[in-house]
Amino acid sequence: MLLWVGLGNPGREHARQRHNIGFMALDAIARRHGFGPWRSRFKGEIADGSIAGQRITLLKPQTYMNASGQSVQPAAGFHKIPPADVWAFHDELDLAPGKVRVKRGGGAAGHNGLRDMQRAFGSPDFWRVRLGIGHPGMKERVHGHVLGDFAKADTWVEPLLDAVADAAPLLAQGRPEEFMTKVALLTQGVEQKG
């Protein structure tokens, strides 16, 4: 069993913010793969289903980004899922808009949701699906950038979410390299503005 976590902030006012692309990715996966309805549990919203024969629980913590571990750790503990079977979908400033990278372990790189998951697990040994949102160019503009809504000009967002949902079976099968390749192929030629 796997736990796929979308990192974001709860509430309608945050729904279209760049910081919430992790929530958006899980919503796209749940729709595409026919997951059960979202319900409240573990201080978050969860939906259960399977992809490529693998049972998966999707989790959107409702604790706000900085306290994501307060939702993720109890969910993983209840299902006896080790950190190595937890995948965090999150926004990534250091990747161009629409680019995706997957890695296991590593630092938080200033991402408070990842930092709190590391604190809660006592380990950085979980997977990260890094969804590029681009950097605003200056450090003092980062806060406004991540908490700003996607613009109409960000036409790459929906194709990226569709590609992540289409390629999700490769993640479920533990094939992250092939997942990244498929997402890149599916989003080839999509205009990406940052």
N, C-alpha and C. Protein backbone atom coordinates (compact mmCIF):
# COMPACT_ATOMS: atom_id res chain seq x y z
N MET A 1 0.84 -1.19 0.00
CA MET A 1 0.00 0.00 0.00
C MET A 1 0.88 1.24 0.00
N LEU A 2 0.44 2.26 -0.74
CA LEU A 2 1.19 3.51 -0.83
C LEU A 2 0.33 4.66 -0.29
N LEU A 3 1.01 5.68 0.22
CA LEU A 3 0.35 6.91 0.65
C LEU A 3 0.88 8.03 -0.23
N TRP A 4 -0.01 8.62 -1.01
CA TRP A 4 0.35 9.76 -1.85
C TRP A 4 -0.23 11.01 -1.21
N VAL A 5 0.64 11.95 -0.90
CA VAL A 5 0.27 13.16 -0.17
C VAL A 5 0.40 14.37 -1.09
N GLY A 6 -0.66 15.14 -1.19
CA GLY A 6 -0.59 16.42 -1.88
C GLY A 6 -0.38 17.49 -0.84
N LEU A 7 0.63 18.33 -1.04
CA LEU A 7 0.86 19.41 -0.08
C LEU A 7 0.18 20.68 -0.56
N GLY A 8 -0.47 21.37 0.39
CA GLY A 8 -1.18 22.60 0.06
C GLY A 8 -1.81 23.19 1.30
N ASN A 9 -2.64 24.19 1.09
CA ASN A 9 -3.36 24.85 2.17
C ASN A 9 -4.85 24.68 1.94
N PRO A 10 -5.61 24.43 3.02
CA PRO A 10 -7.06 24.23 2.87
C PRO A 10 -7.79 25.54 2.62
N GLY A 11 -8.99 25.43 2.10
CA GLY A 11 -9.85 26.61 1.94
C GLY A 11 -9.92 27.08 0.49
N ARG A 12 -11.10 27.57 0.13
CA ARG A 12 -11.35 28.02 -1.24
C ARG A 12 -10.39 29.14 -1.66
N GLU A 13 -10.01 30.00 -0.71
CA GLU A 13 -9.14 31.13 -1.04
C GLU A 13 -7.75 30.70 -1.48
N HIS A 14 -7.35 29.47 -1.14
CA HIS A 14 -6.02 28.96 -1.51
C HIS A 14 -6.06 28.01 -2.70
N ALA A 15 -7.26 27.67 -3.16
CA ALA A 15 -7.43 26.56 -4.11
C ALA A 15 -6.58 26.69 -5.38
N ARG A 16 -6.42 27.90 -5.93
CA ARG A 16 -5.71 28.06 -7.21
C ARG A 16 -4.29 28.62 -7.03
N GLN A 17 -3.81 28.63 -5.80
CA GLN A 17 -2.46 29.15 -5.55
C GLN A 17 -1.39 28.17 -6.01
N ARG A 18 -0.24 28.71 -6.41
CA ARG A 18 0.87 27.86 -6.86
C ARG A 18 1.28 26.86 -5.77
N HIS A 19 1.19 27.29 -4.52
CA HIS A 19 1.57 26.42 -3.39
C HIS A 19 0.67 25.20 -3.29
N ASN A 20 -0.48 25.23 -3.96
CA ASN A 20 -1.46 24.14 -3.85
C ASN A 20 -1.44 23.19 -5.03
N ILE A 21 -0.41 23.23 -5.85
CA ILE A 21 -0.37 22.34 -7.01
C ILE A 21 -0.33 20.87 -6.59
N GLY A 22 0.14 20.59 -5.38
CA GLY A 22 0.10 19.21 -4.86
C GLY A 22 -1.33 18.72 -4.68
N PHE A 23 -2.21 19.58 -4.13
CA PHE A 23 -3.63 19.24 -4.00
C PHE A 23 -4.23 19.01 -5.39
N MET A 24 -3.90 19.92 -6.32
CA MET A 24 -4.46 19.84 -7.67
C MET A 24 -4.05 18.53 -8.36
N ALA A 25 -2.81 18.12 -8.15
CA ALA A 25 -2.33 16.87 -8.76
C ALA A 25 -3.11 15.67 -8.22
N LEU A 26 -3.34 15.63 -6.91
CA LEU A 26 -4.10 14.51 -6.33
C LEU A 26 -5.55 14.52 -6.81
N ASP A 27 -6.14 15.71 -6.96
CA ASP A 27 -7.50 15.78 -7.48
C ASP A 27 -7.57 15.19 -8.89
N ALA A 28 -6.57 15.51 -9.73
CA ALA A 28 -6.54 15.00 -11.10
C ALA A 28 -6.37 13.49 -11.11
N ILE A 29 -5.50 12.96 -10.24
CA ILE A 29 -5.28 11.52 -10.14
C ILE A 29 -6.56 10.82 -9.68
N ALA A 30 -7.22 11.37 -8.66
CA ALA A 30 -8.45 10.77 -8.13
C ALA A 30 -9.53 10.70 -9.20
N ARG A 31 -9.68 11.78 -9.97
CA ARG A 31 -10.68 11.80 -11.05
C ARG A 31 -10.35 10.76 -12.13
N ARG A 32 -9.11 10.76 -12.58
CA ARG A 32 -8.70 9.91 -13.70
C ARG A 32 -8.80 8.43 -13.37
N HIS A 33 -8.50 8.09 -12.11
CA HIS A 33 -8.40 6.68 -11.76
C HIS A 33 -9.56 6.19 -10.89
N GLY A 34 -10.64 6.98 -10.83
CA GLY A 34 -11.87 6.53 -10.18
C GLY A 34 -11.76 6.24 -8.70
N PHE A 35 -11.03 7.09 -7.97
CA PHE A 35 -10.91 6.90 -6.52
C PHE A 35 -12.24 7.17 -5.85
N GLY A 36 -12.41 6.59 -4.66
CA GLY A 36 -13.61 6.80 -3.87
C GLY A 36 -13.76 8.27 -3.49
N PRO A 37 -14.89 8.62 -2.88
CA PRO A 37 -15.10 10.04 -2.51
C PRO A 37 -14.11 10.49 -1.44
N TRP A 38 -13.82 11.78 -1.46
CA TRP A 38 -12.96 12.37 -0.42
C TRP A 38 -13.74 12.39 0.88
N ARG A 39 -13.06 12.04 1.98
CA ARG A 39 -13.69 12.09 3.30
C ARG A 39 -12.67 12.58 4.33
N SER A 40 -13.16 13.10 5.42
CA SER A 40 -12.29 13.67 6.46
C SER A 40 -11.71 12.58 7.35
N ARG A 41 -10.38 12.60 7.49
CA ARG A 41 -9.70 11.65 8.36
C ARG A 41 -8.26 12.11 8.53
N PHE A 42 -7.65 11.83 9.67
CA PHE A 42 -6.24 12.15 9.94
C PHE A 42 -5.94 13.64 9.73
N LYS A 43 -6.85 14.51 10.16
CA LYS A 43 -6.68 15.96 9.97
C LYS A 43 -6.46 16.31 8.50
N GLY A 44 -7.11 15.55 7.64
CA GLY A 44 -6.98 15.79 6.21
C GLY A 44 -8.18 15.24 5.46
N GLU A 45 -8.09 15.27 4.15
CA GLU A 45 -9.08 14.64 3.29
C GLU A 45 -8.40 13.46 2.62
N ILE A 46 -9.05 12.29 2.66
CA ILE A 46 -8.46 11.11 2.04
C ILE A 46 -9.43 10.51 1.02
N ALA A 47 -8.85 9.83 0.04
CA ALA A 47 -9.61 9.07 -0.95
C ALA A 47 -8.83 7.80 -1.22
N ASP A 48 -9.54 6.68 -1.31
CA ASP A 48 -8.88 5.38 -1.52
C ASP A 48 -9.18 4.85 -2.92
N GLY A 49 -8.22 4.13 -3.46
CA GLY A 49 -8.39 3.52 -4.76
C GLY A 49 -7.20 2.65 -5.08
N SER A 50 -7.09 2.28 -6.34
CA SER A 50 -5.92 1.52 -6.77
C SER A 50 -5.53 1.95 -8.17
N ILE A 51 -4.25 1.87 -8.42
CA ILE A 51 -3.68 2.19 -9.72
C ILE A 51 -2.67 1.10 -10.04
N ALA A 52 -2.79 0.54 -11.23
CA ALA A 52 -1.87 -0.52 -11.68
C ALA A 52 -1.77 -1.65 -10.65
N GLY A 53 -2.91 -1.98 -10.03
CA GLY A 53 -2.96 -3.07 -9.07
C GLY A 53 -2.41 -2.75 -7.69
N GLN A 54 -2.02 -1.51 -7.47
CA GLN A 54 -1.45 -1.09 -6.18
C GLN A 54 -2.49 -0.28 -5.41
N ARG A 55 -2.78 -0.69 -4.16
CA ARG A 55 -3.69 0.08 -3.31
C ARG A 55 -3.01 1.38 -2.90
N ILE A 56 -3.75 2.48 -3.05
CA ILE A 56 -3.19 3.80 -2.75
C ILE A 56 -4.21 4.62 -1.97
N THR A 57 -3.74 5.27 -0.91
CA THR A 57 -4.54 6.28 -0.21
C THR A 57 -3.99 7.64 -0.59
N LEU A 58 -4.86 8.50 -1.08
CA LEU A 58 -4.51 9.90 -1.36
C LEU A 58 -4.85 10.71 -0.13
N LEU A 59 -3.97 11.63 0.23
CA LEU A 59 -4.17 12.47 1.42
C LEU A 59 -3.85 13.92 1.11
N LYS A 60 -4.82 14.80 1.42
CA LYS A 60 -4.61 16.24 1.34
C LYS A 60 -4.71 16.78 2.77
N PRO A 61 -3.56 17.02 3.44
CA PRO A 61 -3.61 17.53 4.81
C PRO A 61 -4.39 18.85 4.88
N GLN A 62 -5.21 19.00 5.89
CA GLN A 62 -5.98 20.23 6.09
C GLN A 62 -5.42 21.03 7.27
N THR A 63 -4.15 20.82 7.57
CA THR A 63 -3.49 21.43 8.73
C THR A 63 -2.72 22.68 8.37
N TYR A 64 -2.78 23.11 7.13
CA TYR A 64 -1.94 24.16 6.56
C TYR A 64 -0.53 23.60 6.35
N MET A 65 0.11 24.16 5.34
CA MET A 65 1.39 23.64 4.85
C MET A 65 2.41 23.39 5.96
N ASN A 66 2.57 24.37 6.86
CA ASN A 66 3.63 24.29 7.87
C ASN A 66 3.43 23.18 8.89
N ALA A 67 2.23 22.60 8.93
CA ALA A 67 1.96 21.52 9.89
C ALA A 67 1.52 20.25 9.18
N SER A 68 1.96 20.05 7.95
CA SER A 68 1.55 18.89 7.14
C SER A 68 1.82 17.56 7.84
N GLY A 69 2.92 17.48 8.58
CA GLY A 69 3.29 16.24 9.26
C GLY A 69 2.25 15.79 10.28
N GLN A 70 1.46 16.74 10.82
CA GLN A 70 0.43 16.38 11.80
C GLN A 70 -0.69 15.55 11.17
N SER A 71 -0.79 15.59 9.86
CA SER A 71 -1.77 14.78 9.14
C SER A 71 -1.11 13.55 8.54
N VAL A 72 0.08 13.75 7.93
CA VAL A 72 0.74 12.67 7.20
C VAL A 72 1.20 11.54 8.14
N GLN A 73 1.80 11.89 9.26
CA GLN A 73 2.35 10.87 10.15
C GLN A 73 1.26 9.95 10.72
N PRO A 74 0.13 10.49 11.22
CA PRO A 74 -0.92 9.59 11.72
C PRO A 74 -1.51 8.69 10.61
N ALA A 75 -1.64 9.23 9.40
CA ALA A 75 -2.18 8.43 8.30
C ALA A 75 -1.22 7.29 7.97
N ALA A 76 0.06 7.60 7.87
CA ALA A 76 1.06 6.57 7.59
C ALA A 76 1.13 5.55 8.73
N GLY A 77 1.07 6.03 9.96
CA GLY A 77 1.13 5.15 11.12
C GLY A 77 -0.06 4.20 11.19
N PHE A 78 -1.25 4.71 10.94
CA PHE A 78 -2.45 3.89 10.99
C PHE A 78 -2.39 2.76 9.98
N HIS A 79 -1.92 3.07 8.77
CA HIS A 79 -1.87 2.06 7.70
C HIS A 79 -0.54 1.29 7.69
N LYS A 80 0.34 1.59 8.67
CA LYS A 80 1.65 0.94 8.76
C LYS A 80 2.46 1.09 7.46
N ILE A 81 2.43 2.32 6.93
CA ILE A 81 3.16 2.63 5.70
C ILE A 81 4.47 3.30 6.07
N PRO A 82 5.61 2.70 5.73
CA PRO A 82 6.90 3.32 6.06
C PRO A 82 7.14 4.54 5.18
N PRO A 83 8.00 5.48 5.64
CA PRO A 83 8.29 6.68 4.84
C PRO A 83 8.69 6.36 3.40
N ALA A 84 9.37 5.24 3.17
CA ALA A 84 9.81 4.88 1.82
C ALA A 84 8.65 4.60 0.87
N ASP A 85 7.42 4.42 1.41
CA ASP A 85 6.24 4.20 0.57
C ASP A 85 5.30 5.41 0.59
N VAL A 86 5.83 6.55 1.05
CA VAL A 86 5.07 7.80 1.06
C VAL A 86 5.63 8.69 -0.05
N TRP A 87 4.73 9.26 -0.84
CA TRP A 87 5.10 10.14 -1.96
C TRP A 87 4.44 11.49 -1.74
N ALA A 88 5.24 12.55 -1.67
CA ALA A 88 4.73 13.91 -1.49
C ALA A 88 4.74 14.64 -2.82
N PHE A 89 3.58 15.12 -3.25
CA PHE A 89 3.45 15.92 -4.47
C PHE A 89 3.45 17.38 -4.03
N HIS A 90 4.41 18.16 -4.52
CA HIS A 90 4.53 19.54 -4.02
C HIS A 90 5.07 20.49 -5.07
N ASP A 91 4.85 21.78 -4.82
CA ASP A 91 5.37 22.84 -5.68
C ASP A 91 6.88 22.95 -5.51
N GLU A 92 7.56 23.28 -6.60
CA GLU A 92 9.02 23.38 -6.58
C GLU A 92 9.46 24.65 -7.30
N LEU A 93 9.97 25.60 -6.51
CA LEU A 93 10.45 26.88 -7.05
C LEU A 93 11.63 26.70 -8.00
N ASP A 94 12.49 25.74 -7.71
CA ASP A 94 13.74 25.60 -8.45
C ASP A 94 13.60 24.80 -9.73
N LEU A 95 12.37 24.54 -10.17
CA LEU A 95 12.13 23.91 -11.47
C LEU A 95 11.30 24.86 -12.32
N ALA A 96 11.59 24.87 -13.61
CA ALA A 96 10.81 25.70 -14.54
C ALA A 96 9.34 25.29 -14.49
N PRO A 97 8.43 26.22 -14.76
CA PRO A 97 7.00 25.88 -14.76
C PRO A 97 6.71 24.69 -15.66
N GLY A 98 5.97 23.72 -15.10
CA GLY A 98 5.56 22.56 -15.87
C GLY A 98 6.55 21.41 -15.89
N LYS A 99 7.74 21.61 -15.35
CA LYS A 99 8.73 20.52 -15.30
C LYS A 99 8.47 19.67 -14.05
N VAL A 100 8.81 18.39 -14.14
CA VAL A 100 8.58 17.47 -13.03
C VAL A 100 9.85 16.66 -12.77
N ARG A 101 10.21 16.55 -11.51
CA ARG A 101 11.32 15.69 -11.11
C ARG A 101 10.87 14.86 -9.91
N VAL A 102 11.34 13.62 -9.85
CA VAL A 102 11.00 12.74 -8.75
C VAL A 102 12.30 12.30 -8.10
N LYS A 103 12.33 12.33 -6.78
CA LYS A 103 13.51 11.83 -6.07
C LYS A 103 13.08 11.31 -4.71
N ARG A 104 13.94 10.49 -4.14
CA ARG A 104 13.68 9.97 -2.80
C ARG A 104 14.68 10.60 -1.84
N GLY A 105 14.18 11.07 -0.71
CA GLY A 105 15.04 11.66 0.30
C GLY A 105 15.55 13.03 -0.10
N GLY A 106 16.46 13.55 0.70
CA GLY A 106 17.03 14.87 0.44
C GLY A 106 16.53 15.89 1.43
N GLY A 107 16.96 17.11 1.23
CA GLY A 107 16.59 18.20 2.13
C GLY A 107 15.23 18.78 1.78
N ALA A 108 14.80 19.75 2.57
CA ALA A 108 13.50 20.39 2.36
C ALA A 108 13.60 21.57 1.40
N ALA A 109 14.82 22.08 1.17
CA ALA A 109 15.04 23.21 0.25
C ALA A 109 14.10 24.38 0.55
N GLY A 110 13.89 24.65 1.83
CA GLY A 110 13.05 25.78 2.23
C GLY A 110 11.56 25.53 2.14
N HIS A 111 11.15 24.32 1.77
CA HIS A 111 9.72 24.01 1.65
C HIS A 111 9.19 23.56 3.01
N ASN A 112 8.31 24.36 3.59
CA ASN A 112 7.84 24.09 4.95
C ASN A 112 7.02 22.81 5.08
N GLY A 113 6.29 22.44 4.03
CA GLY A 113 5.53 21.19 4.07
C GLY A 113 6.45 19.98 4.15
N LEU A 114 7.51 19.98 3.33
CA LEU A 114 8.48 18.89 3.37
C LEU A 114 9.21 18.88 4.71
N ARG A 115 9.57 20.06 5.19
CA ARG A 115 10.29 20.16 6.47
C ARG A 115 9.46 19.55 7.59
N ASP A 116 8.15 19.83 7.60
CA ASP A 116 7.32 19.30 8.68
C ASP A 116 7.10 17.79 8.53
N MET A 117 7.05 17.30 7.30
CA MET A 117 6.97 15.85 7.11
C MET A 117 8.24 15.18 7.63
N GLN A 118 9.39 15.76 7.35
CA GLN A 118 10.66 15.21 7.85
C GLN A 118 10.67 15.20 9.37
N ARG A 119 10.18 16.28 9.97
CA ARG A 119 10.13 16.36 11.44
C ARG A 119 9.23 15.26 11.99
N ALA A 120 8.05 15.09 11.37
CA ALA A 120 7.08 14.12 11.87
C ALA A 120 7.58 12.68 11.73
N PHE A 121 8.24 12.38 10.62
CA PHE A 121 8.75 11.04 10.40
C PHE A 121 10.08 10.79 11.10
N GLY A 122 10.78 11.87 11.42
CA GLY A 122 12.14 11.72 11.95
C GLY A 122 13.09 11.23 10.87
N SER A 123 12.69 11.45 9.61
CA SER A 123 13.46 10.93 8.48
C SER A 123 13.08 11.68 7.20
N PRO A 124 14.06 11.93 6.34
CA PRO A 124 13.75 12.52 5.03
C PRO A 124 13.50 11.45 3.96
N ASP A 125 13.39 10.20 4.38
CA ASP A 125 13.42 9.07 3.45
C ASP A 125 12.05 8.77 2.83
N PHE A 126 11.41 9.81 2.28
CA PHE A 126 10.18 9.61 1.53
C PHE A 126 10.39 10.20 0.12
N TRP A 127 9.49 9.84 -0.79
CA TRP A 127 9.60 10.29 -2.17
C TRP A 127 9.01 11.69 -2.34
N ARG A 128 9.57 12.44 -3.27
CA ARG A 128 9.04 13.77 -3.59
C ARG A 128 8.77 13.82 -5.09
N VAL A 129 7.56 14.21 -5.44
CA VAL A 129 7.20 14.49 -6.83
C VAL A 129 7.18 16.01 -6.92
N ARG A 130 8.27 16.55 -7.47
CA ARG A 130 8.50 18.00 -7.48
C ARG A 130 7.87 18.60 -8.74
N LEU A 131 6.86 19.44 -8.55
CA LEU A 131 6.11 20.03 -9.65
C LEU A 131 6.56 21.49 -9.82
N GLY A 132 7.25 21.76 -10.91
CA GLY A 132 7.85 23.08 -11.10
C GLY A 132 6.85 24.20 -11.26
N ILE A 133 7.05 25.27 -10.47
CA ILE A 133 6.22 26.47 -10.59
C ILE A 133 7.07 27.68 -10.99
N GLY A 134 8.39 27.48 -11.11
CA GLY A 134 9.28 28.58 -11.46
C GLY A 134 9.57 29.49 -10.29
N HIS A 135 10.64 30.23 -10.41
CA HIS A 135 11.08 31.17 -9.37
C HIS A 135 10.78 32.59 -9.85
N PRO A 136 10.31 33.47 -8.97
CA PRO A 136 10.00 34.84 -9.40
C PRO A 136 11.24 35.68 -9.69
N GLY A 137 12.41 35.16 -9.40
CA GLY A 137 13.64 35.89 -9.73
C GLY A 137 14.33 36.53 -8.55
N MET A 138 13.55 37.02 -7.59
CA MET A 138 14.14 37.67 -6.42
C MET A 138 13.59 37.02 -5.16
N LYS A 139 14.48 36.80 -4.19
CA LYS A 139 14.11 36.10 -2.96
C LYS A 139 12.92 36.76 -2.26
N GLU A 140 12.90 38.10 -2.25
CA GLU A 140 11.83 38.80 -1.53
C GLU A 140 10.47 38.66 -2.22
N ARG A 141 10.43 38.15 -3.44
CA ARG A 141 9.15 37.95 -4.14
C ARG A 141 8.64 36.52 -4.02
N VAL A 142 9.40 35.62 -3.38
CA VAL A 142 9.02 34.21 -3.31
C VAL A 142 7.69 34.01 -2.59
N HIS A 143 7.51 34.63 -1.43
CA HIS A 143 6.30 34.44 -0.63
C HIS A 143 5.05 34.78 -1.45
N GLY A 144 5.05 35.94 -2.08
CA GLY A 144 3.91 36.35 -2.89
C GLY A 144 3.70 35.45 -4.10
N HIS A 145 4.80 34.94 -4.65
CA HIS A 145 4.72 34.06 -5.81
C HIS A 145 4.04 32.74 -5.46
N VAL A 146 4.51 32.08 -4.41
CA VAL A 146 3.93 30.76 -4.08
C VAL A 146 2.49 30.89 -3.58
N LEU A 147 2.17 32.00 -2.91
CA LEU A 147 0.80 32.19 -2.40
C LEU A 147 -0.09 32.94 -3.39
N GLY A 148 0.45 33.23 -4.58
CA GLY A 148 -0.35 33.86 -5.62
C GLY A 148 -1.07 32.80 -6.45
N ASP A 149 -2.20 33.19 -7.03
CA ASP A 149 -2.95 32.28 -7.89
C ASP A 149 -2.22 32.10 -9.22
N PHE A 150 -2.42 30.93 -9.83
CA PHE A 150 -1.96 30.75 -11.20
C PHE A 150 -2.67 31.78 -12.06
N ALA A 151 -1.95 32.32 -13.03
CA ALA A 151 -2.51 33.32 -13.94
C ALA A 151 -3.13 32.63 -15.15
N LYS A 152 -3.98 33.38 -15.87
CA LYS A 152 -4.57 32.85 -17.10
C LYS A 152 -3.48 32.46 -18.10
N ALA A 153 -2.36 33.17 -18.05
CA ALA A 153 -1.25 32.89 -18.96
C ALA A 153 -0.55 31.56 -18.64
N ASP A 154 -0.80 31.01 -17.47
CA ASP A 154 -0.18 29.74 -17.07
C ASP A 154 -0.94 28.57 -17.71
N THR A 155 -0.92 28.53 -19.04
CA THR A 155 -1.68 27.53 -19.78
C THR A 155 -1.08 26.13 -19.65
N TRP A 156 0.08 26.02 -19.02
CA TRP A 156 0.75 24.73 -18.84
C TRP A 156 0.18 23.92 -17.68
N VAL A 157 -0.58 24.57 -16.78
CA VAL A 157 -0.99 23.90 -15.54
C VAL A 157 -1.89 22.69 -15.81
N GLU A 158 -2.98 22.87 -16.55
CA GLU A 158 -3.91 21.76 -16.78
C GLU A 158 -3.25 20.63 -17.57
N PRO A 159 -2.50 20.92 -18.66
CA PRO A 159 -1.80 19.82 -19.34
C PRO A 159 -0.84 19.06 -18.42
N LEU A 160 -0.18 19.77 -17.51
CA LEU A 160 0.73 19.10 -16.57
C LEU A 160 -0.05 18.17 -15.65
N LEU A 161 -1.14 18.66 -15.09
CA LEU A 161 -1.95 17.84 -14.18
C LEU A 161 -2.51 16.62 -14.90
N ASP A 162 -2.95 16.80 -16.15
CA ASP A 162 -3.44 15.67 -16.94
C ASP A 162 -2.33 14.65 -17.17
N ALA A 163 -1.13 15.15 -17.47
CA ALA A 163 0.01 14.25 -17.73
C ALA A 163 0.40 13.47 -16.48
N VAL A 164 0.39 14.14 -15.33
CA VAL A 164 0.71 13.47 -14.06
C VAL A 164 -0.30 12.36 -13.80
N ALA A 165 -1.60 12.65 -14.04
CA ALA A 165 -2.64 11.64 -13.83
C ALA A 165 -2.48 10.48 -14.82
N ASP A 166 -2.16 10.81 -16.07
CA ASP A 166 -1.97 9.76 -17.09
C ASP A 166 -0.79 8.85 -16.75
N ALA A 167 0.28 9.44 -16.25
CA ALA A 167 1.52 8.70 -15.98
C ALA A 167 1.55 8.07 -14.60
N ALA A 168 0.53 8.33 -13.77
CA ALA A 168 0.52 7.83 -12.39
C ALA A 168 0.74 6.33 -12.25
N PRO A 169 0.26 5.48 -13.19
CA PRO A 169 0.54 4.05 -13.04
C PRO A 169 2.04 3.73 -12.96
N LEU A 170 2.86 4.51 -13.61
CA LEU A 170 4.31 4.27 -13.55
C LEU A 170 4.85 4.54 -12.15
N LEU A 171 4.31 5.56 -11.48
CA LEU A 171 4.72 5.81 -10.09
C LEU A 171 4.26 4.67 -9.20
N ALA A 172 3.01 4.23 -9.42
CA ALA A 172 2.46 3.15 -8.59
C ALA A 172 3.30 1.88 -8.73
N GLN A 173 3.93 1.70 -9.88
CA GLN A 173 4.76 0.52 -10.14
C GLN A 173 6.21 0.74 -9.72
N GLY A 174 6.51 1.92 -9.12
CA GLY A 174 7.87 2.18 -8.67
C GLY A 174 8.84 2.46 -9.81
N ARG A 175 8.34 3.13 -10.85
CA ARG A 175 9.16 3.43 -12.03
C ARG A 175 9.23 4.94 -12.24
N PRO A 176 9.88 5.67 -11.31
CA PRO A 176 9.88 7.13 -11.38
C PRO A 176 10.56 7.70 -12.62
N GLU A 177 11.61 7.06 -13.10
CA GLU A 177 12.30 7.58 -14.30
C GLU A 177 11.35 7.55 -15.50
N GLU A 178 10.63 6.44 -15.65
CA GLU A 178 9.69 6.33 -16.76
C GLU A 178 8.52 7.30 -16.59
N PHE A 179 8.10 7.53 -15.34
CA PHE A 179 7.06 8.52 -15.06
C PHE A 179 7.50 9.89 -15.55
N MET A 180 8.71 10.31 -15.19
CA MET A 180 9.21 11.63 -15.61
C MET A 180 9.28 11.73 -17.13
N THR A 181 9.74 10.67 -17.77
CA THR A 181 9.83 10.67 -19.23
C THR A 181 8.45 10.81 -19.87
N LYS A 182 7.48 10.05 -19.34
CA LYS A 182 6.13 10.11 -19.92
C LYS A 182 5.51 11.49 -19.72
N VAL A 183 5.67 12.09 -18.53
CA VAL A 183 5.13 13.43 -18.30
C VAL A 183 5.77 14.43 -19.27
N ALA A 184 7.08 14.32 -19.46
CA ALA A 184 7.79 15.23 -20.38
C ALA A 184 7.25 15.07 -21.80
N LEU A 185 7.03 13.83 -22.23
CA LEU A 185 6.52 13.60 -23.59
C LEU A 185 5.09 14.14 -23.74
N LEU A 186 4.26 13.92 -22.73
CA LEU A 186 2.87 14.36 -22.80
C LEU A 186 2.73 15.88 -22.77
N THR A 187 3.71 16.56 -22.19
CA THR A 187 3.63 18.03 -22.09
C THR A 187 4.53 18.73 -23.10
N GLN A 188 5.14 17.96 -23.97
CA GLN A 188 6.03 18.54 -24.99
C GLN A 188 5.26 19.52 -25.84
N GLY A 189 5.84 20.69 -26.06
CA GLY A 189 5.20 21.69 -26.91
C GLY A 189 4.19 22.56 -26.20
N VAL A 190 3.89 22.27 -24.93
CA VAL A 190 2.97 23.12 -24.18
C VAL A 190 3.74 24.38 -23.77
N GLU A 191 3.14 25.53 -24.07
CA GLU A 191 3.82 26.79 -23.76
C GLU A 191 3.91 26.97 -22.25
N GLN A 192 5.13 27.28 -21.80
CA GLN A 192 5.35 27.40 -20.36
C GLN A 192 5.93 28.76 -20.04
N LYS A 193 5.13 29.56 -19.35
CA LYS A 193 5.59 30.88 -18.93
C LYS A 193 5.79 30.86 -17.42
N GLY A 194 6.79 31.58 -16.96
CA GLY A 194 7.03 31.58 -15.52
C GLY A 194 6.84 32.92 -14.92
